[in-house]
Amino acid sequence: MPHPPQRRTADGLHRLVAFADAVVAIAMTLLILPLADLASDLKAQRTLFQVMNDHGDALLGFFISFAVIWVLWRNHHEIMENFVGYNATMFNLHFLWLLSIVLLPLATALISNDRVNWGVAFYILVLGLAICSLIGISRQGVRHPDLVVDGDAVRRSLAGWSGVGTVAALAVALVVTLVWPGLGSWPLLLLAIPGPATAIWTRVRGG
């Protein structure tokens, strides 16, 4: 497999980001396809409420995954706004990040099927790969100042993006899932905690 070119150009960085954006858009679109198939496969007259009640897990999985991919893309966008160049490590970390994005529709289908064991655990591991990849990308900006917009504030911003809260929430959700697999997708709601908690902590610390 050929390696990325040794001469890193601004155009190369733009292509990398554009490619990542395209993959994210496709992954978000794929999330709705199983729900569209459910609607097409209805054989008897059903009300909208009955359909939503019968396929609550699939709907919950869709909304969680849509929000998760959006947050992952938003974080990637905010991180990459600071970069003016890239290196081989960043290039390879994007491979891992995009792999996790592409796997999320599959992981969503698994957690939406009550006949699949440990689907939620697989989902959490995929999210862990995505978060760790973003952490690695941000750390490249801290370790290689030539890759980012000149300024100490930018490097402090990248250094502050640790993702520790989300990783901790994923670890707790994984433990809960392994101990109580009957909870289904509900442990994934723990992922809603780090964002507000971090915002509150930042505000208190700034005060």
C-alpha atoms as a PDB file:
ATOM      1  CA  MET A   1       0.000   0.000   0.000  1.00  0.00           C
ATOM      2  CA  PRO A   2       1.493   3.373  -0.989  1.00  0.00           C
ATOM      3  CA  HIS A   3       2.323   5.833   1.762  1.00  0.00           C
ATOM      4  CA  PRO A   4       1.184   9.462   1.759  1.00  0.00           C
ATOM      5  CA  PRO A   5       3.604  11.764  -0.067  1.00  0.00           C
ATOM      6  CA  GLN A   6       6.560  13.109   1.847  1.00  0.00           C
ATOM      7  CA  ARG A   7       5.815  16.662   0.723  1.00  0.00           C
ATOM      8  CA  ARG A   8       2.756  17.776   2.725  1.00  0.00           C
ATOM      9  CA  THR A   9       0.764  20.487   1.001  1.00  0.00           C
ATOM     10  CA  ALA A  10      -2.191  22.611   2.035  1.00  0.00           C
ATOM     11  CA  ASP A  11      -4.141  21.002  -0.796  1.00  0.00           C
ATOM     12  CA  GLY A  12      -3.334  17.585   0.644  1.00  0.00           C
ATOM     13  CA  LEU A  13      -4.733  18.639   4.028  1.00  0.00           C
ATOM     14  CA  HIS A  14      -7.889  19.997   2.380  1.00  0.00           C
ATOM     15  CA  ARG A  15      -8.371  16.726   0.513  1.00  0.00           C
ATOM     16  CA  LEU A  16      -7.931  14.732   3.715  1.00  0.00           C
ATOM     17  CA  VAL A  17     -10.562  16.810   5.523  1.00  0.00           C
ATOM     18  CA  ALA A  18     -12.936  16.754   2.539  1.00  0.00           C
ATOM     19  CA  PHE A  19     -12.618  12.981   2.286  1.00  0.00           C
ATOM     20  CA  ALA A  20     -13.357  12.633   6.003  1.00  0.00           C
ATOM     21  CA  ASP A  21     -16.418  14.878   5.644  1.00  0.00           C
ATOM     22  CA  ALA A  22     -17.720  12.753   2.766  1.00  0.00           C
ATOM     23  CA  VAL A  23     -17.325   9.518   4.714  1.00  0.00           C
ATOM     24  CA  VAL A  24     -19.157  11.020   7.690  1.00  0.00           C
ATOM     25  CA  ALA A  25     -22.024  12.215   5.483  1.00  0.00           C
ATOM     26  CA  ILE A  26     -22.411   8.761   3.931  1.00  0.00           C
ATOM     27  CA  ALA A  27     -22.303   7.046   7.341  1.00  0.00           C
ATOM     28  CA  MET A  28     -25.017   9.362   8.717  1.00  0.00           C
ATOM     29  CA  THR A  29     -27.184   8.660   5.671  1.00  0.00           C
ATOM     30  CA  LEU A  30     -26.770   4.896   6.019  1.00  0.00           C
ATOM     31  CA  LEU A  31     -28.234   5.045   9.522  1.00  0.00           C
ATOM     32  CA  ILE A  32     -31.725   5.721   8.194  1.00  0.00           C
ATOM     33  CA  LEU A  33     -31.792   2.847   5.672  1.00  0.00           C
ATOM     34  CA  PRO A  34     -32.751   0.078   8.160  1.00  0.00           C
ATOM     35  CA  LEU A  35     -35.639   2.231   9.408  1.00  0.00           C
ATOM     36  CA  ALA A  36     -36.794   2.830   5.855  1.00  0.00           C
ATOM     37  CA  ASP A  37     -36.726  -0.948   5.291  1.00  0.00           C
ATOM     38  CA  LEU A  38     -38.850  -1.463   8.411  1.00  0.00           C
ATOM     39  CA  ALA A  39     -41.480   0.905   7.051  1.00  0.00           C
ATOM     40  CA  SER A  40     -41.440  -0.840   3.657  1.00  0.00           C
ATOM     41  CA  ASP A  41     -41.819  -4.306   5.188  1.00  0.00           C
ATOM     42  CA  LEU A  42     -45.026  -3.547   7.098  1.00  0.00           C
ATOM     43  CA  LYS A  43     -47.691  -6.089   6.086  1.00  0.00           C
ATOM     44  CA  ALA A  44     -50.635  -4.961   8.215  1.00  0.00           C
ATOM     45  CA  GLN A  45     -52.262  -1.633   8.904  1.00  0.00           C
ATOM     46  CA  ARG A  46     -50.406   0.034  11.770  1.00  0.00           C
ATOM     47  CA  THR A  47     -50.512   3.428  13.407  1.00  0.00           C
ATOM     48  CA  LEU A  48     -47.365   5.514  13.679  1.00  0.00           C
ATOM     49  CA  PHE A  49     -47.398   5.030  17.458  1.00  0.00           C
ATOM     50  CA  GLN A  50     -47.605   1.239  17.094  1.00  0.00           C
ATOM     51  CA  VAL A  51     -44.681   1.180  14.668  1.00  0.00           C
ATOM     52  CA  MET A  52     -42.582   3.356  16.965  1.00  0.00           C
ATOM     53  CA  ASN A  53     -43.482   1.186  19.947  1.00  0.00           C
ATOM     54  CA  ASP A  54     -42.670  -2.056  18.117  1.00  0.00           C
ATOM     55  CA  HIS A  55     -39.304  -0.772  16.895  1.00  0.00           C
ATOM     56  CA  GLY A  56     -38.279   1.395  19.823  1.00  0.00           C
ATOM     57  CA  ASP A  57     -34.775  -0.111  19.992  1.00  0.00           C
ATOM     58  CA  ALA A  58     -34.122   0.634  16.328  1.00  0.00           C
ATOM     59  CA  LEU A  59     -35.329   4.217  16.718  1.00  0.00           C
ATOM     60  CA  LEU A  60     -33.271   4.729  19.869  1.00  0.00           C
ATOM     61  CA  GLY A  61     -30.201   3.323  18.134  1.00  0.00           C
ATOM     62  CA  PHE A  62     -30.731   5.657  15.165  1.00  0.00           C
ATOM     63  CA  PHE A  63     -31.043   8.815  17.268  1.00  0.00           C
ATOM     64  CA  ILE A  64     -28.101   7.887  19.491  1.00  0.00           C
ATOM     65  CA  SER A  65     -25.857   7.079  16.531  1.00  0.00           C
ATOM     66  CA  PHE A  66     -26.906  10.163  14.552  1.00  0.00           C
ATOM     67  CA  ALA A  67     -26.060  12.335  17.554  1.00  0.00           C
ATOM     68  CA  VAL A  68     -22.813  10.433  18.185  1.00  0.00           C
ATOM     69  CA  ILE A  69     -21.578  10.797  14.598  1.00  0.00           C
ATOM     70  CA  TRP A  70     -22.535  14.474  14.622  1.00  0.00           C
ATOM     71  CA  VAL A  71     -20.563  15.061  17.836  1.00  0.00           C
ATOM     72  CA  LEU A  72     -17.581  13.097  16.498  1.00  0.00           C
ATOM     73  CA  TRP A  73     -17.606  15.150  13.277  1.00  0.00           C
ATOM     74  CA  ARG A  74     -18.001  18.405  15.218  1.00  0.00           C
ATOM     75  CA  ASN A  75     -15.019  17.547  17.411  1.00  0.00           C
ATOM     76  CA  HIS A  76     -12.997  16.564  14.348  1.00  0.00           C
ATOM     77  CA  HIS A  77     -13.966  19.831  12.657  1.00  0.00           C
ATOM     78  CA  GLU A  78     -12.962  21.905  15.695  1.00  0.00           C
ATOM     79  CA  ILE A  79      -9.639  20.086  15.999  1.00  0.00           C
ATOM     80  CA  MET A  80      -8.763  20.311  12.304  1.00  0.00           C
ATOM     81  CA  GLU A  81      -9.551  24.051  12.209  1.00  0.00           C
ATOM     82  CA  ASN A  82      -6.268  24.508  14.086  1.00  0.00           C
ATOM     83  CA  PHE A  83      -4.109  22.630  11.558  1.00  0.00           C
ATOM     84  CA  VAL A  84      -2.296  24.041   8.548  1.00  0.00           C
ATOM     85  CA  GLY A  85      -0.366  20.865   7.758  1.00  0.00           C
ATOM     86  CA  TYR A  86      -0.280  17.145   8.473  1.00  0.00           C
ATOM     87  CA  ASN A  87       2.171  14.300   8.907  1.00  0.00           C
ATOM     88  CA  ALA A  88       2.145  10.536   8.394  1.00  0.00           C
ATOM     89  CA  THR A  89       0.876   9.882  11.934  1.00  0.00           C
ATOM     90  CA  MET A  90      -2.099  12.198  11.441  1.00  0.00           C
ATOM     91  CA  PHE A  91      -2.771  10.560   8.085  1.00  0.00           C
ATOM     92  CA  ASN A  92      -2.833   7.084   9.645  1.00  0.00           C
ATOM     93  CA  LEU A  93      -4.915   8.213  12.632  1.00  0.00           C
ATOM     94  CA  HIS A  94      -7.537   9.401  10.148  1.00  0.00           C
ATOM     95  CA  PHE A  95      -7.674   5.852   8.806  1.00  0.00           C
ATOM     96  CA  LEU A  96      -8.611   4.604  12.284  1.00  0.00           C
ATOM     97  CA  TRP A  97     -11.081   7.429  12.862  1.00  0.00           C
ATOM     98  CA  LEU A  98     -12.824   6.861   9.529  1.00  0.00           C
ATOM     99  CA  LEU A  99     -12.883   3.111  10.169  1.00  0.00           C
ATOM    100  CA  SER A 100     -14.797   3.746  13.386  1.00  0.00           C
ATOM    101  CA  ILE A 101     -17.216   6.088  11.570  1.00  0.00           C
ATOM    102  CA  VAL A 102     -17.894   3.487   8.871  1.00  0.00           C
ATOM    103  CA  LEU A 103     -18.440   0.784  11.510  1.00  0.00           C
ATOM    104  CA  LEU A 104     -21.038   2.815  13.418  1.00  0.00           C
ATOM    105  CA  PRO A 105     -23.976   2.002  11.080  1.00  0.00           C
ATOM    106  CA  LEU A 106     -23.147  -1.702  11.511  1.00  0.00           C
ATOM    107  CA  ALA A 107     -22.836  -1.278  15.267  1.00  0.00           C
ATOM    108  CA  THR A 108     -26.168   0.546  15.289  1.00  0.00           C
ATOM    109  CA  ALA A 109     -27.846  -2.332  13.433  1.00  0.00           C
ATOM    110  CA  LEU A 110     -26.423  -4.771  15.998  1.00  0.00           C
ATOM    111  CA  ILE A 111     -27.711  -2.871  19.030  1.00  0.00           C
ATOM    112  CA  SER A 112     -31.111  -2.551  17.326  1.00  0.00           C
ATOM    113  CA  ASN A 113     -31.442  -6.337  17.037  1.00  0.00           C
ATOM    114  CA  ASP A 114     -32.384  -8.017  20.331  1.00  0.00           C
ATOM    115  CA  ARG A 115     -31.168 -11.364  18.968  1.00  0.00           C
ATOM    116  CA  VAL A 116     -27.537 -10.178  18.922  1.00  0.00           C
ATOM    117  CA  ASN A 117     -25.512 -10.653  22.105  1.00  0.00           C
ATOM    118  CA  TRP A 118     -22.888  -8.082  23.127  1.00  0.00           C
ATOM    119  CA  GLY A 119     -23.856  -5.699  20.350  1.00  0.00           C
ATOM    120  CA  VAL A 120     -23.717  -2.768  22.756  1.00  0.00           C
ATOM    121  CA  ALA A 121     -20.219  -3.771  23.882  1.00  0.00           C
ATOM    122  CA  PHE A 122     -19.086  -3.741  20.239  1.00  0.00           C
ATOM    123  CA  TYR A 123     -20.703  -0.322  19.793  1.00  0.00           C
ATOM    124  CA  ILE A 124     -18.815   1.044  22.801  1.00  0.00           C
ATOM    125  CA  LEU A 125     -15.511  -0.332  21.522  1.00  0.00           C
ATOM    126  CA  VAL A 126     -16.097   1.353  18.140  1.00  0.00           C
ATOM    127  CA  LEU A 127     -16.753   4.644  19.910  1.00  0.00           C
ATOM    128  CA  GLY A 128     -13.600   4.136  21.954  1.00  0.00           C
ATOM    129  CA  LEU A 129     -11.596   3.774  18.745  1.00  0.00           C
ATOM    130  CA  ALA A 130     -13.131   6.997  17.396  1.00  0.00           C
ATOM    131  CA  ILE A 131     -12.397   9.017  20.538  1.00  0.00           C
ATOM    132  CA  CYS A 132      -8.846   7.687  20.930  1.00  0.00           C
ATOM    133  CA  SER A 133      -8.134   8.514  17.276  1.00  0.00           C
ATOM    134  CA  LEU A 134      -9.301  12.098  17.808  1.00  0.00           C
ATOM    135  CA  ILE A 135      -7.154  12.366  20.922  1.00  0.00           C
ATOM    136  CA  GLY A 136      -4.164  11.176  18.913  1.00  0.00           C
ATOM    137  CA  ILE A 137      -4.853  13.704  16.139  1.00  0.00           C
ATOM    138  CA  SER A 138      -5.086  16.593  18.610  1.00  0.00           C
ATOM    139  CA  ARG A 139      -1.865  15.521  20.325  1.00  0.00           C
ATOM    140  CA  GLN A 140      -0.028  15.775  16.997  1.00  0.00           C
ATOM    141  CA  GLY A 141      -0.754  19.482  17.026  1.00  0.00           C
ATOM    142  CA  VAL A 142       0.701  19.781  20.522  1.00  0.00           C
ATOM    143  CA  ARG A 143       3.838  17.799  19.699  1.00  0.00           C
ATOM    144  CA  HIS A 144       4.416  19.382  16.279  1.00  0.00           C
ATOM    145  CA  PRO A 145       3.789  23.156  16.428  1.00  0.00           C
ATOM    146  CA  ASP A 146       4.672  23.481  12.752  1.00  0.00           C
ATOM    147  CA  LEU A 147       1.441  21.672  11.876  1.00  0.00           C
ATOM    148  CA  VAL A 148      -0.896  24.167  13.545  1.00  0.00           C
ATOM    149  CA  VAL A 149      -1.789  27.823  13.306  1.00  0.00           C
ATOM    150  CA  ASP A 150       0.922  29.803  15.047  1.00  0.00           C
ATOM    151  CA  GLY A 151      -0.070  30.734  18.571  1.00  0.00           C
ATOM    152  CA  ASP A 152       0.161  29.419  22.111  1.00  0.00           C
ATOM    153  CA  ALA A 153      -3.620  29.652  22.515  1.00  0.00           C
ATOM    154  CA  VAL A 154      -4.122  27.107  19.722  1.00  0.00           C
ATOM    155  CA  ARG A 155      -1.688  24.656  21.279  1.00  0.00           C
ATOM    156  CA  ARG A 156      -3.322  25.104  24.691  1.00  0.00           C
ATOM    157  CA  SER A 157      -6.695  24.463  23.091  1.00  0.00           C
ATOM    158  CA  LEU A 158      -5.477  21.232  21.495  1.00  0.00           C
ATOM    159  CA  ALA A 159      -3.772  20.156  24.706  1.00  0.00           C
ATOM    160  CA  GLY A 160      -7.022  20.778  26.573  1.00  0.00           C
ATOM    161  CA  TRP A 161      -8.968  18.500  24.224  1.00  0.00           C
ATOM    162  CA  SER A 162      -8.214  15.307  26.097  1.00  0.00           C
ATOM    163  CA  GLY A 163     -11.485  13.424  25.669  1.00  0.00           C
ATOM    164  CA  VAL A 164     -10.844  11.911  29.117  1.00  0.00           C
ATOM    165  CA  GLY A 165     -14.427  12.456  30.250  1.00  0.00           C
ATOM    166  CA  THR A 166     -15.845  10.649  27.230  1.00  0.00           C
ATOM    167  CA  VAL A 167     -13.350   7.792  27.540  1.00  0.00           C
ATOM    168  CA  ALA A 168     -14.295   7.428  31.221  1.00  0.00           C
ATOM    169  CA  ALA A 169     -18.010   7.393  30.321  1.00  0.00           C
ATOM    170  CA  LEU A 170     -17.330   4.726  27.684  1.00  0.00           C
ATOM    171  CA  ALA A 171     -15.444   2.610  30.225  1.00  0.00           C
ATOM    172  CA  VAL A 172     -18.316   2.847  32.725  1.00  0.00           C
ATOM    173  CA  ALA A 173     -20.875   2.070  30.001  1.00  0.00           C
ATOM    174  CA  LEU A 174     -18.846  -0.978  28.917  1.00  0.00           C
ATOM    175  CA  VAL A 175     -18.675  -2.316  32.476  1.00  0.00           C
ATOM    176  CA  VAL A 176     -22.405  -1.758  32.972  1.00  0.00           C
ATOM    177  CA  THR A 177     -23.151  -3.511  29.670  1.00  0.00           C
ATOM    178  CA  LEU A 178     -20.997  -6.524  30.519  1.00  0.00           C
ATOM    179  CA  VAL A 179     -22.474  -6.861  34.017  1.00  0.00           C
ATOM    180  CA  TRP A 180     -26.105  -6.163  33.058  1.00  0.00           C
ATOM    181  CA  PRO A 181     -26.493  -7.039  29.354  1.00  0.00           C
ATOM    182  CA  GLY A 182     -30.271  -6.963  29.734  1.00  0.00           C
ATOM    183  CA  LEU A 183     -30.211  -3.167  29.872  1.00  0.00           C
ATOM    184  CA  GLY A 184     -29.842  -3.039  26.106  1.00  0.00           C
ATOM    185  CA  SER A 185     -28.850   0.345  24.671  1.00  0.00           C
ATOM    186  CA  TRP A 186     -29.591   2.359  27.802  1.00  0.00           C
ATOM    187  CA  PRO A 187     -25.973   2.439  29.101  1.00  0.00           C
ATOM    188  CA  LEU A 188     -25.113   4.501  26.008  1.00  0.00           C
ATOM    189  CA  LEU A 189     -27.014   7.409  27.542  1.00  0.00           C
ATOM    190  CA  LEU A 190     -24.042   7.800  29.899  1.00  0.00           C
ATOM    191  CA  LEU A 191     -22.296   9.452  26.957  1.00  0.00           C
ATOM    192  CA  ALA A 192     -24.546  12.478  27.448  1.00  0.00           C
ATOM    193  CA  ILE A 193     -22.848  13.267  30.773  1.00  0.00           C
ATOM    194  CA  PRO A 194     -19.268  14.350  29.829  1.00  0.00           C
ATOM    195  CA  GLY A 195     -20.294  17.316  27.644  1.00  0.00           C
ATOM    196  CA  PRO A 196     -22.364  19.217  30.245  1.00  0.00           C
ATOM    197  CA  ALA A 197     -20.007  18.143  33.037  1.00  0.00           C
ATOM    198  CA  THR A 198     -16.999  19.514  31.153  1.00  0.00           C
ATOM    199  CA  ALA A 199     -18.835  22.769  30.385  1.00  0.00           C
ATOM    200  CA  ILE A 200     -19.727  23.237  34.057  1.00  0.00           C
ATOM    201  CA  TRP A 201     -16.193  22.416  35.184  1.00  0.00           C
ATOM    202  CA  THR A 202     -14.711  24.846  32.658  1.00  0.00           C
ATOM    203  CA  ARG A 203     -17.048  27.611  33.788  1.00  0.00           C
ATOM    204  CA  VAL A 204     -16.288  27.004  37.467  1.00  0.00           C
ATOM    205  CA  ARG A 205     -12.547  26.860  36.834  1.00  0.00           C
ATOM    206  CA  GLY A 206     -12.680  30.010  34.732  1.00  0.00           C
ATOM    207  CA  GLY A 207     -14.590  31.763  37.510  1.00  0.00           C
END
